[in-house]
């Protein structure tokens, strides 16, 4: 759009060239003062240096990695083009000869204006949310860039048309990249630490969900609100209030969760090696289909799980809602009285998992609910696995043992566990315990408990060799080398580009 506007103005009588002539008539021929010229050049460079580095630090502090990558990529590419246009290195001159037909530098005096406009607009997009703050920000950016343009024109460093074209080019390029690669609808600008998996249930999204549930499940939903967010890190759990009948529970999945799943599994491969069933899902629909299937499989196997109601397509290919019953009168196991009958029922669910040939893979306090202080219900089976290995099943048992032991103590829990499992199975489950096998919530609670629950369980059971779950493979080695090399190359290239463009 900026390029089209410049072409139109250039062809119109009295357009950009007319502006150049008018400014020349007002200012007359002049020789720019060396001191003033140096001050303007240094001020421009310091301007965008003082902008981009604090912005990058703010993005790191707020853990907005998508914005950080887009921001650094944008200013880095601009700096790379600057190097290509004006650099004098052998490689740069050779590349320039292939692109332009001559190794001579490209004459474009207003390059600092391009960089300043790019950095300023990109900073505005990644630091300010849409609304009043961004509108005020546009005024500040326009004032900053126009000040640089006016000073350079007055000092005779650039012509008015060249300076304006440079400002429009840099600003429009940054706005386009930020809008396309980091749209605010998917990557909102905010400064409160929040779980990225929890999507905003705004009016537009809830309206889409209500319409989709009504059309596809025949259920009229009157209200949608977040539900038990503290125990969820891989979806957006919500409560669906219905016009008739009991409330329902929904788990909203989107492209954001699919990306998180892919990164999560890549990091697990790099850190822990080849584990079973760690292939990433190919689409959001496959992600939600898996959990719906596991719910039905475990229900048919006798495991007490919420009754699945179906999958709702909210936005084709991008957002899906898994709907289940909202199990009534439940509390998390850590908030229950946890008498011996409840401990037995909790461990019975693990035995039923084994009998069904499945593993939950995420047994932690927030996923173990107690209904009416008598019945245990397992929720969130998104990590569930069919026909798991022996150590994975043992890890499920260990997760339930430690979850119950946090409330009732290791002695009571092991006394109840011996009524359903042998000492060999119990000691094997504790031997399979590692940071890999324990969910993050359970691991943090064990660390904060102060009673060394894991150590006391080991002391009360027969000794068992530690089970190694880390697996080396050629794929892991090559993937680790490729990832490390790619990250190092990207960092070096970005640093060189930033330095070449005067940003370092």
Foldseek 3Di string as FASTA:
>chain_A
DLVVVLVVQVPDVCGQVVQLVVLCVVLPDDAFDPVLVVVLVVVLLVLLLVQPPVLLVLCVVLVLVLLNVLLLVQLLVLLVVLCLQANDDPVSLVVNCVVVVGSHHHDQLQSSLLSLLQSLLSSLLQADFPDPSSVVSVVVSVVVSVVSLVSCCSSPSDGNSSSVSSNSNNNVSNVVSCCVRPNCQQRPHDRDRDQSQAHDPDPVLVVLVQVQCCVPQVWHFDDKDFDPPVVDRQWTKIWTHTPDDDIKIKTKDFVVSLVVLVVVLLVCCLVFNDFPPSDGDPFRVSLLVLVVVVVVLLVVLVQAAFAWRDKTDSDPRTMIMTMTHDQPQKDFPLPALDDLQALLQLLVNLVSCVVSQKAQLAQARVQWIDHPSHHIYGYDSSVMDHNHDLLRSLLRNVSSQLRSCLRVNNVSNVVSVVVPDPLVSNQSSLLSDDPNRYDPNSVVSCVVSPPNRSVVNCVVGDHDHRDRRRDDDPVNVVSNVVVVVVVVVVVVSSVVSCVSSSSD
